[in-house]
Amino acid sequence: MKTQDFISKIAPFAVADMMCSKVLASITIAQGILESDSGSSAPSCNLFGIKGKGAAHETKEFVNGQWITIVDGFRCYDTWEGSVNDHSTFLIENGRYTLAGFFIACNNLDYIGAAHALQAAGYATDPNYAAQLINIIQQNGLSKYDKEVVSNLQAIKDLQDKVAKLEAAAQALVKTTPPDWFIKEFGSDEVASLLKDATGDVDFWRNFAVMIRFFNAQKA
């Protein structure tokens, strides 16, 4: 699979995961590219080379200044999305990544610091691991996905603030007393029914009166 095709497929998973886990989407995508050769080498949908009880596969390790081939067990997943989610869980649950400053770097949108933290915490034995991740991120402009998450989170916060203001305005309106002219024209029963779900702005009573007059005129 071509790298750009792989990015297009995995980016939505990485972005959605970052919104919950705070693991930089750029780092997730870059590790997926590096560890699985852009999805071409991902047995059992394991995109990140996370070891564990599962299928046994050959892998290369950098030991005592040279590369050697070993056979080890690797975690298995049903989908790439599951692999992305477990990748973040793995980083969160293994305290050595927090101690290495990985999540501090993520909170600062510092993919360079995050890459070096991964290497310092021993994610891979390759002495050039951090440099390779940084190069992949920069060559493919992957930091834009981190910014996308920040933008999404801000949009959600802005929407929540607007909803809170609307709810406060609605509650304030429900507590107001309708004008005498409204009660005289439409009666207290109409007012009681209205107050059950009143919403609107400062002209609510006048606007609602116009609506009722219109419908009454249609009935006549």
N, C-alpha and C. Protein backbone atom coordinates (compact mmCIF):
# COMPACT_ATOMS: atom_id res chain seq x y z
N MET A 1 0.83 -1.19 0.00
CA MET A 1 0.00 0.00 0.00
C MET A 1 0.88 1.26 0.00
N LYS A 2 0.51 2.25 -0.81
CA LYS A 2 1.25 3.49 -0.84
C LYS A 2 1.06 4.25 0.47
N THR A 3 2.10 4.99 0.85
CA THR A 3 2.06 5.70 2.13
C THR A 3 0.87 6.65 2.21
N GLN A 4 0.59 7.40 1.14
CA GLN A 4 -0.52 8.36 1.18
C GLN A 4 -1.86 7.65 1.32
N ASP A 5 -2.00 6.49 0.71
CA ASP A 5 -3.24 5.70 0.86
C ASP A 5 -3.38 5.22 2.31
N PHE A 6 -2.27 4.81 2.87
CA PHE A 6 -2.29 4.36 4.26
C PHE A 6 -2.68 5.51 5.19
N ILE A 7 -2.11 6.68 4.95
CA ILE A 7 -2.42 7.85 5.79
C ILE A 7 -3.90 8.18 5.70
N SER A 8 -4.44 8.15 4.49
CA SER A 8 -5.86 8.46 4.31
C SER A 8 -6.75 7.50 5.08
N LYS A 9 -6.31 6.25 5.17
CA LYS A 9 -7.12 5.24 5.84
C LYS A 9 -7.00 5.31 7.36
N ILE A 10 -5.80 5.56 7.86
CA ILE A 10 -5.57 5.51 9.30
C ILE A 10 -5.80 6.85 10.00
N ALA A 11 -5.69 7.95 9.26
CA ALA A 11 -5.79 9.28 9.87
C ALA A 11 -7.09 9.49 10.65
N PRO A 12 -8.27 9.10 10.11
CA PRO A 12 -9.50 9.30 10.89
C PRO A 12 -9.48 8.58 12.23
N PHE A 13 -8.88 7.39 12.27
CA PHE A 13 -8.77 6.64 13.52
C PHE A 13 -7.84 7.35 14.49
N ALA A 14 -6.73 7.86 13.97
CA ALA A 14 -5.74 8.55 14.81
C ALA A 14 -6.31 9.85 15.38
N VAL A 15 -7.05 10.57 14.56
CA VAL A 15 -7.66 11.83 15.00
C VAL A 15 -8.71 11.57 16.08
N ALA A 16 -9.59 10.59 15.84
CA ALA A 16 -10.62 10.26 16.82
C ALA A 16 -10.00 9.79 18.13
N ASP A 17 -8.92 9.00 18.02
CA ASP A 17 -8.25 8.50 19.22
C ASP A 17 -7.60 9.62 20.01
N MET A 18 -6.97 10.57 19.32
CA MET A 18 -6.29 11.68 20.01
C MET A 18 -7.28 12.51 20.82
N MET A 19 -8.51 12.63 20.35
CA MET A 19 -9.51 13.42 21.06
C MET A 19 -9.82 12.81 22.42
N CYS A 20 -9.57 11.52 22.56
CA CYS A 20 -9.83 10.84 23.84
C CYS A 20 -8.55 10.58 24.64
N SER A 21 -7.51 10.10 23.95
CA SER A 21 -6.30 9.66 24.64
C SER A 21 -5.23 10.74 24.79
N LYS A 22 -5.30 11.78 23.94
CA LYS A 22 -4.28 12.86 23.89
C LYS A 22 -3.00 12.43 23.20
N VAL A 23 -2.90 11.18 22.75
CA VAL A 23 -1.72 10.75 21.99
C VAL A 23 -1.76 11.42 20.63
N LEU A 24 -0.70 12.13 20.28
CA LEU A 24 -0.69 12.90 19.04
C LEU A 24 -1.01 12.02 17.83
N ALA A 25 -1.95 12.49 17.01
CA ALA A 25 -2.31 11.76 15.80
C ALA A 25 -1.11 11.63 14.87
N SER A 26 -0.28 12.66 14.83
CA SER A 26 0.91 12.61 13.97
C SER A 26 1.84 11.48 14.38
N ILE A 27 2.01 11.29 15.68
CA ILE A 27 2.86 10.21 16.19
C ILE A 27 2.25 8.86 15.87
N THR A 28 0.95 8.71 16.08
CA THR A 28 0.28 7.45 15.80
C THR A 28 0.43 7.06 14.34
N ILE A 29 0.19 8.02 13.46
CA ILE A 29 0.28 7.74 12.03
C ILE A 29 1.72 7.40 11.64
N ALA A 30 2.67 8.19 12.14
CA ALA A 30 4.08 7.96 11.80
C ALA A 30 4.55 6.60 12.29
N GLN A 31 4.15 6.22 13.49
CA GLN A 31 4.55 4.90 14.00
C GLN A 31 3.92 3.80 13.16
N GLY A 32 2.67 4.01 12.75
CA GLY A 32 2.02 3.02 11.90
C GLY A 32 2.76 2.84 10.58
N ILE A 33 3.18 3.96 10.00
CA ILE A 33 3.94 3.91 8.74
C ILE A 33 5.25 3.15 8.93
N LEU A 34 5.96 3.49 10.00
CA LEU A 34 7.28 2.91 10.24
C LEU A 34 7.19 1.45 10.66
N GLU A 35 6.30 1.15 11.58
CA GLU A 35 6.24 -0.21 12.14
C GLU A 35 5.61 -1.23 11.18
N SER A 36 4.69 -0.78 10.33
CA SER A 36 4.00 -1.74 9.47
C SER A 36 4.32 -1.56 7.99
N ASP A 37 5.29 -0.68 7.69
CA ASP A 37 5.61 -0.38 6.30
C ASP A 37 4.35 0.06 5.56
N SER A 38 3.71 1.07 6.14
CA SER A 38 2.48 1.65 5.57
C SER A 38 1.39 0.60 5.37
N GLY A 39 1.26 -0.28 6.35
CA GLY A 39 0.19 -1.28 6.32
C GLY A 39 0.51 -2.53 5.53
N SER A 40 1.67 -2.55 4.85
CA SER A 40 2.03 -3.71 4.03
C SER A 40 2.47 -4.90 4.87
N SER A 41 2.96 -4.61 6.09
CA SER A 41 3.43 -5.68 6.96
C SER A 41 2.78 -5.51 8.34
N ALA A 42 1.51 -5.92 8.41
CA ALA A 42 0.76 -5.77 9.65
C ALA A 42 -0.03 -7.04 9.94
N PRO A 43 0.66 -8.15 10.27
CA PRO A 43 -0.04 -9.40 10.55
C PRO A 43 -1.00 -9.24 11.72
N SER A 44 -2.17 -9.82 11.57
CA SER A 44 -3.22 -9.74 12.60
C SER A 44 -3.60 -8.29 12.89
N CYS A 45 -3.49 -7.42 11.87
CA CYS A 45 -3.85 -6.00 11.98
C CYS A 45 -3.03 -5.26 13.04
N ASN A 46 -1.86 -5.80 13.41
CA ASN A 46 -0.99 -5.15 14.38
C ASN A 46 -0.11 -4.14 13.66
N LEU A 47 -0.51 -2.87 13.73
CA LEU A 47 0.20 -1.81 13.00
C LEU A 47 1.43 -1.28 13.72
N PHE A 48 1.55 -1.57 15.02
CA PHE A 48 2.56 -0.88 15.82
C PHE A 48 3.60 -1.81 16.44
N GLY A 49 3.62 -3.06 16.02
CA GLY A 49 4.61 -3.99 16.52
C GLY A 49 4.53 -4.23 18.01
N ILE A 50 3.33 -4.12 18.59
CA ILE A 50 3.18 -4.32 20.03
C ILE A 50 3.20 -5.82 20.34
N LYS A 51 4.13 -6.20 21.18
CA LYS A 51 4.29 -7.60 21.52
C LYS A 51 3.28 -8.04 22.58
N GLY A 52 3.04 -9.35 22.61
CA GLY A 52 2.12 -9.90 23.60
C GLY A 52 1.71 -11.30 23.22
N LYS A 53 0.75 -11.83 23.94
CA LYS A 53 0.27 -13.17 23.65
C LYS A 53 -0.55 -13.11 22.37
N GLY A 54 -0.14 -13.86 21.41
CA GLY A 54 -0.83 -13.86 20.12
C GLY A 54 -0.01 -14.61 19.10
N ALA A 55 -0.09 -14.16 17.86
CA ALA A 55 0.64 -14.84 16.79
C ALA A 55 2.14 -14.59 16.90
N ALA A 56 2.93 -15.62 16.58
CA ALA A 56 4.39 -15.50 16.60
C ALA A 56 4.89 -15.09 15.23
N HIS A 57 5.77 -14.10 15.21
CA HIS A 57 6.32 -13.61 13.94
C HIS A 57 7.79 -13.25 14.12
N GLU A 58 8.49 -13.25 13.01
CA GLU A 58 9.88 -12.81 13.04
C GLU A 58 9.93 -11.29 13.14
N THR A 59 10.92 -10.80 13.85
CA THR A 59 11.12 -9.36 13.95
C THR A 59 12.61 -9.08 14.13
N LYS A 60 13.02 -7.87 13.77
CA LYS A 60 14.42 -7.50 13.92
C LYS A 60 14.61 -6.62 15.14
N GLU A 61 15.67 -6.89 15.89
CA GLU A 61 16.01 -6.11 17.08
C GLU A 61 17.46 -5.64 16.94
N PHE A 62 17.72 -4.44 17.44
CA PHE A 62 19.08 -3.90 17.42
C PHE A 62 19.71 -4.19 18.78
N VAL A 63 20.60 -5.17 18.83
CA VAL A 63 21.18 -5.64 20.08
C VAL A 63 22.71 -5.62 19.98
N ASN A 64 23.34 -5.01 20.98
CA ASN A 64 24.81 -4.97 21.03
C ASN A 64 25.43 -4.43 19.73
N GLY A 65 24.79 -3.39 19.20
CA GLY A 65 25.36 -2.73 18.04
C GLY A 65 25.11 -3.40 16.71
N GLN A 66 24.23 -4.41 16.70
CA GLN A 66 23.94 -5.06 15.41
C GLN A 66 22.49 -5.54 15.37
N TRP A 67 21.99 -5.69 14.16
CA TRP A 67 20.62 -6.16 13.97
C TRP A 67 20.59 -7.68 14.00
N ILE A 68 19.63 -8.23 14.75
CA ILE A 68 19.43 -9.68 14.79
C ILE A 68 17.95 -9.98 14.54
N THR A 69 17.66 -11.17 14.10
CA THR A 69 16.28 -11.60 13.85
C THR A 69 15.85 -12.56 14.95
N ILE A 70 14.69 -12.27 15.55
CA ILE A 70 14.15 -13.14 16.58
C ILE A 70 12.70 -13.46 16.25
N VAL A 71 12.15 -14.44 16.94
CA VAL A 71 10.74 -14.77 16.82
C VAL A 71 10.07 -14.44 18.14
N ASP A 72 8.98 -13.69 18.08
CA ASP A 72 8.31 -13.28 19.30
C ASP A 72 6.80 -13.25 19.06
N GLY A 73 6.03 -13.17 20.17
CA GLY A 73 4.58 -13.11 20.06
C GLY A 73 4.11 -11.66 19.92
N PHE A 74 3.06 -11.46 19.14
CA PHE A 74 2.52 -10.12 18.91
C PHE A 74 1.01 -10.12 19.11
N ARG A 75 0.51 -8.99 19.61
CA ARG A 75 -0.92 -8.86 19.83
C ARG A 75 -1.68 -8.93 18.50
N CYS A 76 -2.92 -9.42 18.59
CA CYS A 76 -3.76 -9.57 17.41
C CYS A 76 -5.01 -8.69 17.52
N TYR A 77 -5.46 -8.16 16.40
CA TYR A 77 -6.64 -7.29 16.37
C TYR A 77 -7.52 -7.68 15.19
N ASP A 78 -8.79 -7.30 15.29
CA ASP A 78 -9.72 -7.58 14.20
C ASP A 78 -9.66 -6.49 13.13
N THR A 79 -9.30 -5.28 13.55
CA THR A 79 -9.29 -4.14 12.62
C THR A 79 -8.11 -3.23 12.91
N TRP A 80 -7.80 -2.36 11.97
CA TRP A 80 -6.77 -1.35 12.19
C TRP A 80 -7.21 -0.35 13.27
N GLU A 81 -8.48 -0.06 13.30
CA GLU A 81 -8.98 0.86 14.31
C GLU A 81 -8.72 0.30 15.71
N GLY A 82 -8.93 -0.99 15.87
CA GLY A 82 -8.66 -1.62 17.16
C GLY A 82 -7.19 -1.54 17.52
N SER A 83 -6.33 -1.66 16.53
CA SER A 83 -4.89 -1.56 16.76
C SER A 83 -4.52 -0.14 17.20
N VAL A 84 -5.12 0.87 16.57
CA VAL A 84 -4.86 2.27 16.94
C VAL A 84 -5.28 2.52 18.39
N ASN A 85 -6.45 2.07 18.75
CA ASN A 85 -6.95 2.29 20.10
C ASN A 85 -6.09 1.59 21.15
N ASP A 86 -5.66 0.37 20.84
CA ASP A 86 -4.83 -0.36 21.80
C ASP A 86 -3.44 0.24 21.90
N HIS A 87 -2.97 0.84 20.83
CA HIS A 87 -1.67 1.50 20.83
C HIS A 87 -1.66 2.60 21.89
N SER A 88 -2.72 3.41 21.94
CA SER A 88 -2.80 4.48 22.93
C SER A 88 -2.95 3.90 24.34
N THR A 89 -3.76 2.86 24.46
CA THR A 89 -3.92 2.22 25.76
C THR A 89 -2.59 1.69 26.27
N PHE A 90 -1.82 1.10 25.39
CA PHE A 90 -0.50 0.58 25.73
C PHE A 90 0.41 1.68 26.27
N LEU A 91 0.42 2.83 25.60
CA LEU A 91 1.26 3.95 26.02
C LEU A 91 0.80 4.53 27.36
N ILE A 92 -0.51 4.58 27.55
CA ILE A 92 -1.06 5.13 28.79
C ILE A 92 -0.80 4.21 29.98
N GLU A 93 -0.97 2.92 29.76
CA GLU A 93 -0.86 1.97 30.87
C GLU A 93 0.58 1.67 31.27
N ASN A 94 1.53 1.91 30.37
CA ASN A 94 2.94 1.69 30.69
C ASN A 94 3.55 3.00 31.18
N GLY A 95 3.73 3.09 32.49
CA GLY A 95 4.15 4.33 33.11
C GLY A 95 5.47 4.89 32.63
N ARG A 96 6.30 4.07 31.99
CA ARG A 96 7.61 4.56 31.56
C ARG A 96 7.48 5.65 30.50
N TYR A 97 6.38 5.64 29.75
CA TYR A 97 6.19 6.68 28.73
C TYR A 97 5.82 8.02 29.37
N THR A 98 5.02 7.94 30.42
CA THR A 98 4.69 9.16 31.17
C THR A 98 5.95 9.72 31.82
N LEU A 99 6.75 8.85 32.42
CA LEU A 99 7.98 9.29 33.07
C LEU A 99 8.97 9.90 32.08
N ALA A 100 8.94 9.43 30.85
CA ALA A 100 9.85 9.94 29.82
C ALA A 100 9.38 11.28 29.25
N GLY A 101 8.19 11.72 29.67
CA GLY A 101 7.67 13.01 29.22
C GLY A 101 6.86 12.95 27.94
N PHE A 102 6.43 11.74 27.56
CA PHE A 102 5.69 11.58 26.31
C PHE A 102 4.40 12.39 26.31
N PHE A 103 3.63 12.29 27.38
CA PHE A 103 2.33 12.96 27.40
C PHE A 103 2.44 14.46 27.62
N ILE A 104 3.51 14.89 28.26
CA ILE A 104 3.76 16.34 28.35
C ILE A 104 4.00 16.90 26.95
N ALA A 105 4.79 16.18 26.18
CA ALA A 105 5.05 16.61 24.80
C ALA A 105 3.77 16.60 23.97
N CYS A 106 2.94 15.59 24.16
CA CYS A 106 1.67 15.51 23.42
C CYS A 106 0.77 16.69 23.77
N ASN A 107 0.69 17.02 25.04
CA ASN A 107 -0.15 18.15 25.47
C ASN A 107 0.33 19.46 24.87
N ASN A 108 1.62 19.54 24.59
CA ASN A 108 2.21 20.75 24.00
C ASN A 108 2.26 20.69 22.47
N LEU A 109 1.65 19.65 21.89
CA LEU A 109 1.67 19.42 20.44
C LEU A 109 3.11 19.36 19.91
N ASP A 110 3.99 18.80 20.71
CA ASP A 110 5.42 18.72 20.40
C ASP A 110 5.74 17.30 19.91
N TYR A 111 5.58 17.07 18.62
CA TYR A 111 5.81 15.72 18.11
C TYR A 111 7.29 15.33 18.17
N ILE A 112 8.17 16.32 18.11
CA ILE A 112 9.60 16.03 18.21
C ILE A 112 9.93 15.50 19.61
N GLY A 113 9.43 16.20 20.63
CA GLY A 113 9.64 15.75 22.00
C GLY A 113 8.99 14.40 22.26
N ALA A 114 7.80 14.20 21.67
CA ALA A 114 7.09 12.93 21.85
C ALA A 114 7.87 11.78 21.23
N ALA A 115 8.45 12.01 20.05
CA ALA A 115 9.24 10.97 19.37
C ALA A 115 10.46 10.59 20.19
N HIS A 116 11.15 11.59 20.75
CA HIS A 116 12.33 11.30 21.56
C HIS A 116 11.93 10.60 22.87
N ALA A 117 10.77 10.94 23.41
CA ALA A 117 10.30 10.29 24.63
C ALA A 117 10.02 8.81 24.38
N LEU A 118 9.44 8.50 23.22
CA LEU A 118 9.19 7.10 22.87
C LEU A 118 10.49 6.32 22.83
N GLN A 119 11.50 6.90 22.21
CA GLN A 119 12.80 6.22 22.12
C GLN A 119 13.45 6.08 23.49
N ALA A 120 13.37 7.15 24.28
CA ALA A 120 13.98 7.11 25.61
C ALA A 120 13.31 6.07 26.50
N ALA A 121 12.01 5.86 26.30
CA ALA A 121 11.27 4.90 27.12
C ALA A 121 11.42 3.48 26.61
N GLY A 122 12.11 3.31 25.48
CA GLY A 122 12.37 1.96 24.98
C GLY A 122 11.30 1.36 24.11
N TYR A 123 10.55 2.21 23.40
CA TYR A 123 9.52 1.63 22.53
C TYR A 123 10.14 0.73 21.47
N ALA A 124 11.30 1.13 20.95
CA ALA A 124 12.00 0.33 19.93
C ALA A 124 13.48 0.31 20.23
N THR A 125 14.15 -0.69 19.71
CA THR A 125 15.60 -0.79 19.94
C THR A 125 16.41 -0.02 18.91
N ASP A 126 15.79 0.42 17.83
CA ASP A 126 16.48 1.15 16.78
C ASP A 126 16.99 2.49 17.33
N PRO A 127 18.30 2.73 17.29
CA PRO A 127 18.85 3.98 17.82
C PRO A 127 18.42 5.22 17.04
N ASN A 128 17.89 5.01 15.83
CA ASN A 128 17.43 6.13 15.00
C ASN A 128 15.91 6.24 14.97
N TYR A 129 15.25 5.60 15.94
CA TYR A 129 13.79 5.52 15.91
C TYR A 129 13.15 6.91 15.93
N ALA A 130 13.56 7.76 16.85
CA ALA A 130 12.97 9.09 16.97
C ALA A 130 13.19 9.90 15.70
N ALA A 131 14.39 9.86 15.19
CA ALA A 131 14.71 10.62 13.98
C ALA A 131 13.86 10.17 12.80
N GLN A 132 13.62 8.87 12.71
CA GLN A 132 12.80 8.35 11.61
C GLN A 132 11.35 8.83 11.74
N LEU A 133 10.81 8.81 12.96
CA LEU A 133 9.44 9.28 13.17
C LEU A 133 9.30 10.75 12.81
N ILE A 134 10.25 11.54 13.27
CA ILE A 134 10.22 12.99 13.00
C ILE A 134 10.29 13.25 11.50
N ASN A 135 11.13 12.51 10.80
CA ASN A 135 11.26 12.67 9.36
C ASN A 135 9.96 12.31 8.64
N ILE A 136 9.32 11.23 9.07
CA ILE A 136 8.06 10.81 8.46
C ILE A 136 6.99 11.88 8.67
N ILE A 137 6.91 12.42 9.88
CA ILE A 137 5.92 13.44 10.19
C ILE A 137 6.14 14.68 9.33
N GLN A 138 7.37 15.12 9.23
CA GLN A 138 7.67 16.33 8.48
C GLN A 138 7.51 16.14 6.97
N GLN A 139 7.93 15.01 6.46
CA GLN A 139 7.80 14.75 5.03
C GLN A 139 6.35 14.68 4.57
N ASN A 140 5.47 14.18 5.45
CA ASN A 140 4.08 13.97 5.08
C ASN A 140 3.13 15.01 5.68
N GLY A 141 3.68 16.00 6.36
CA GLY A 141 2.85 17.06 6.94
C GLY A 141 1.83 16.54 7.94
N LEU A 142 2.22 15.57 8.74
CA LEU A 142 1.27 14.91 9.63
C LEU A 142 0.85 15.77 10.82
N SER A 143 1.58 16.83 11.12
CA SER A 143 1.20 17.67 12.27
C SER A 143 -0.14 18.36 12.04
N LYS A 144 -0.60 18.41 10.79
CA LYS A 144 -1.89 19.04 10.51
C LYS A 144 -3.03 18.28 11.19
N TYR A 145 -2.83 16.99 11.42
CA TYR A 145 -3.87 16.20 12.08
C TYR A 145 -3.95 16.54 13.57
N ASP A 146 -2.81 16.89 14.17
CA ASP A 146 -2.82 17.34 15.57
C ASP A 146 -3.61 18.64 15.68
N LYS A 147 -3.38 19.55 14.73
CA LYS A 147 -4.08 20.84 14.73
C LYS A 147 -5.56 20.65 14.47
N GLU A 148 -5.90 19.65 13.66
CA GLU A 148 -7.31 19.35 13.39
C GLU A 148 -8.03 18.95 14.67
N VAL A 149 -7.37 18.16 15.50
CA VAL A 149 -7.97 17.74 16.76
C VAL A 149 -8.19 18.94 17.67
N VAL A 150 -7.18 19.82 17.77
CA VAL A 150 -7.31 21.02 18.60
C VAL A 150 -8.48 21.86 18.13
N SER A 151 -8.62 22.00 16.80
CA SER A 151 -9.73 22.77 16.24
C SER A 151 -11.07 22.12 16.56
N ASN A 152 -11.13 20.79 16.45
CA ASN A 152 -12.37 20.07 16.75
C ASN A 152 -12.77 20.23 18.21
N LEU A 153 -11.80 20.12 19.11
CA LEU A 153 -12.08 20.25 20.54
C LEU A 153 -12.55 21.66 20.88
N GLN A 154 -11.96 22.67 20.23
CA GLN A 154 -12.38 24.04 20.48
C GLN A 154 -13.80 24.27 19.97
N ALA A 155 -14.12 23.68 18.80
CA ALA A 155 -15.47 23.81 18.25
C ALA A 155 -16.50 23.18 19.17
N ILE A 156 -16.15 22.03 19.75
CA ILE A 156 -17.05 21.36 20.69
C ILE A 156 -17.27 22.22 21.93
N LYS A 157 -16.19 22.80 22.44
CA LYS A 157 -16.29 23.67 23.62
C LYS A 157 -17.16 24.88 23.33
N ASP A 158 -16.96 25.50 22.16
CA ASP A 158 -17.76 26.67 21.79
C ASP A 158 -19.24 26.30 21.70
N LEU A 159 -19.53 25.14 21.13
CA LEU A 159 -20.92 24.69 21.01
C LEU A 159 -21.52 24.43 22.38
N GLN A 160 -20.75 23.80 23.26
CA GLN A 160 -21.23 23.54 24.62
C GLN A 160 -21.54 24.84 25.35
N ASP A 161 -20.68 25.85 25.15
CA ASP A 161 -20.91 27.16 25.78
C ASP A 161 -22.20 27.79 25.27
N LYS A 162 -22.45 27.69 23.95
CA LYS A 162 -23.66 28.25 23.37
C LYS A 162 -24.90 27.55 23.89
N VAL A 163 -24.82 26.22 23.98
CA VAL A 163 -25.97 25.45 24.49
C VAL A 163 -26.25 25.83 25.94
N ALA A 164 -25.19 26.00 26.73
CA ALA A 164 -25.36 26.37 28.14
C ALA A 164 -26.05 27.73 28.25
N LYS A 165 -25.67 28.67 27.39
CA LYS A 165 -26.29 30.00 27.42
C LYS A 165 -27.75 29.93 27.00
N LEU A 166 -28.06 29.11 26.00
CA LEU A 166 -29.44 28.96 25.56
C LEU A 166 -30.29 28.32 26.64
N GLU A 167 -29.72 27.32 27.32
CA GLU A 167 -30.46 26.66 28.40
C GLU A 167 -30.73 27.64 29.53
N ALA A 168 -29.74 28.47 29.84
CA ALA A 168 -29.92 29.47 30.90
C ALA A 168 -30.99 30.48 30.52
N ALA A 169 -30.98 30.89 29.24
CA ALA A 169 -31.99 31.85 28.77
C ALA A 169 -33.39 31.25 28.82
N ALA A 170 -33.49 29.96 28.44
CA ALA A 170 -34.79 29.29 28.46
C ALA A 170 -35.31 29.16 29.89
N GLN A 171 -34.42 28.81 30.82
CA GLN A 171 -34.83 28.69 32.21
C GLN A 171 -35.30 30.04 32.77
N ALA A 172 -34.59 31.10 32.39
CA ALA A 172 -34.98 32.43 32.85
C ALA A 172 -36.34 32.82 32.29
N LEU A 173 -36.59 32.45 31.04
CA LEU A 173 -37.86 32.78 30.40
C LEU A 173 -39.03 32.07 31.07
N VAL A 174 -38.81 30.79 31.41
CA VAL A 174 -39.87 30.00 32.05
C VAL A 174 -40.31 30.64 33.37
N LYS A 175 -39.35 31.27 34.03
CA LYS A 175 -39.64 31.86 35.34
C LYS A 175 -40.31 33.24 35.24
N THR A 176 -40.41 33.80 34.02
CA THR A 176 -41.02 35.12 33.88
C THR A 176 -42.54 35.02 33.92
N THR A 177 -43.19 36.11 34.25
CA THR A 177 -44.65 36.18 34.28
C THR A 177 -45.15 36.78 32.98
N PRO A 178 -46.07 36.12 32.28
CA PRO A 178 -46.56 36.67 31.01
C PRO A 178 -47.31 37.98 31.24
N PRO A 179 -47.31 38.86 30.26
CA PRO A 179 -48.02 40.14 30.39
C PRO A 179 -49.52 39.93 30.57
N ASP A 180 -50.18 40.89 31.23
CA ASP A 180 -51.62 40.80 31.46
C ASP A 180 -52.39 40.70 30.16
N TRP A 181 -51.93 41.45 29.13
CA TRP A 181 -52.67 41.43 27.87
C TRP A 181 -52.66 40.05 27.23
N PHE A 182 -51.58 39.30 27.48
CA PHE A 182 -51.50 37.95 26.92
C PHE A 182 -52.51 37.03 27.61
N ILE A 183 -52.57 37.12 28.93
CA ILE A 183 -53.50 36.27 29.69
C ILE A 183 -54.94 36.60 29.33
N LYS A 184 -55.25 37.92 29.19
CA LYS A 184 -56.62 38.32 28.86
C LYS A 184 -57.05 37.80 27.51
N GLU A 185 -56.12 37.80 26.55
CA GLU A 185 -56.48 37.38 25.20
C GLU A 185 -56.55 35.87 25.04
N PHE A 186 -55.63 35.13 25.68
CA PHE A 186 -55.54 33.70 25.43
C PHE A 186 -55.92 32.82 26.61
N GLY A 187 -55.98 33.39 27.81
CA GLY A 187 -56.41 32.62 28.96
C GLY A 187 -55.26 31.94 29.69
N SER A 188 -55.49 31.60 30.92
CA SER A 188 -54.45 31.01 31.77
C SER A 188 -54.09 29.59 31.35
N ASP A 189 -55.04 28.85 30.75
CA ASP A 189 -54.74 27.48 30.33
C ASP A 189 -53.66 27.46 29.23
N GLU A 190 -53.76 28.42 28.31
CA GLU A 190 -52.77 28.51 27.24
C GLU A 190 -51.40 28.83 27.81
N VAL A 191 -51.39 29.71 28.83
CA VAL A 191 -50.14 30.09 29.46
C VAL A 191 -49.52 28.90 30.18
N ALA A 192 -50.34 28.13 30.92
CA ALA A 192 -49.84 26.97 31.66
C ALA A 192 -49.23 25.94 30.72
N SER A 193 -49.89 25.73 29.57
CA SER A 193 -49.37 24.78 28.60
C SER A 193 -48.06 25.27 28.00
N LEU A 194 -48.00 26.56 27.76
CA LEU A 194 -46.82 27.16 27.16
C LEU A 194 -45.59 27.05 28.06
N LEU A 195 -45.79 27.25 29.35
CA LEU A 195 -44.68 27.27 30.29
C LEU A 195 -43.99 25.92 30.45
N LYS A 196 -44.63 24.87 29.97
CA LYS A 196 -44.02 23.55 30.11
C LYS A 196 -42.74 23.41 29.28
N ASP A 197 -42.69 24.10 28.14
CA ASP A 197 -41.52 23.97 27.28
C ASP A 197 -41.17 25.29 26.60
N ALA A 198 -41.30 26.37 27.35
CA ALA A 198 -41.06 27.68 26.77
C ALA A 198 -39.60 27.86 26.37
N THR A 199 -39.39 28.34 25.15
CA THR A 199 -38.05 28.70 24.68
C THR A 199 -38.18 29.91 23.79
N GLY A 200 -37.12 30.67 23.66
CA GLY A 200 -37.17 31.82 22.76
C GLY A 200 -36.36 32.98 23.28
N ASP A 201 -36.63 34.17 22.75
CA ASP A 201 -35.87 35.35 23.13
C ASP A 201 -36.75 36.31 23.94
N VAL A 202 -36.31 37.56 24.09
CA VAL A 202 -37.04 38.53 24.93
C VAL A 202 -38.40 38.88 24.33
N ASP A 203 -38.59 38.65 23.04
CA ASP A 203 -39.87 38.94 22.39
C ASP A 203 -40.75 37.70 22.30
N PHE A 204 -40.48 36.72 23.15
CA PHE A 204 -41.17 35.43 23.08
C PHE A 204 -42.68 35.58 23.15
N TRP A 205 -43.17 36.29 24.17
CA TRP A 205 -44.61 36.39 24.38
C TRP A 205 -45.30 37.07 23.20
N ARG A 206 -44.71 38.13 22.70
CA ARG A 206 -45.31 38.84 21.57
C ARG A 206 -45.30 37.97 20.31
N ASN A 207 -44.19 37.28 20.06
CA ASN A 207 -44.10 36.41 18.89
C ASN A 207 -45.10 35.26 18.98
N PHE A 208 -45.24 34.71 20.17
CA PHE A 208 -46.16 33.59 20.34
C PHE A 208 -47.61 34.05 20.17
N ALA A 209 -47.91 35.25 20.64
CA ALA A 209 -49.26 35.80 20.49
C ALA A 209 -49.61 35.95 19.02
N VAL A 210 -48.66 36.41 18.21
CA VAL A 210 -48.89 36.55 16.78
C VAL A 210 -49.19 35.20 16.15
N MET A 211 -48.47 34.18 16.58
CA MET A 211 -48.69 32.84 16.04
C MET A 211 -50.10 32.34 16.36
N ILE A 212 -50.53 32.53 17.61
CA ILE A 212 -51.85 32.03 18.01
C ILE A 212 -52.94 32.78 17.26
N ARG A 213 -52.78 34.09 17.12
CA ARG A 213 -53.77 34.88 16.38
C ARG A 213 -53.89 34.38 14.94
N PHE A 214 -52.73 34.06 14.36
CA PHE A 214 -52.74 33.59 12.97
C PHE A 214 -53.50 32.27 12.84
N PHE A 215 -53.21 31.32 13.74
CA PHE A 215 -53.88 30.02 13.66
C PHE A 215 -55.36 30.13 13.99
N ASN A 216 -55.72 31.00 14.91
CA ASN A 216 -57.14 31.21 15.21
C ASN A 216 -57.87 31.79 14.00
N ALA A 217 -57.18 32.69 13.29
CA ALA A 217 -57.77 33.28 12.10
C ALA A 217 -57.98 32.22 11.02
N GLN A 218 -57.03 31.27 10.92
CA GLN A 218 -57.15 30.20 9.93
C GLN A 218 -58.35 29.31 10.24
N LYS A 219 -58.56 29.05 11.54
CA LYS A 219 -59.70 28.20 11.94
C LYS A 219 -61.02 28.85 11.59
N ALA A 220 -61.09 30.19 11.77
CA ALA A 220 -62.32 30.92 11.49
C ALA A 220 -62.61 30.93 9.97
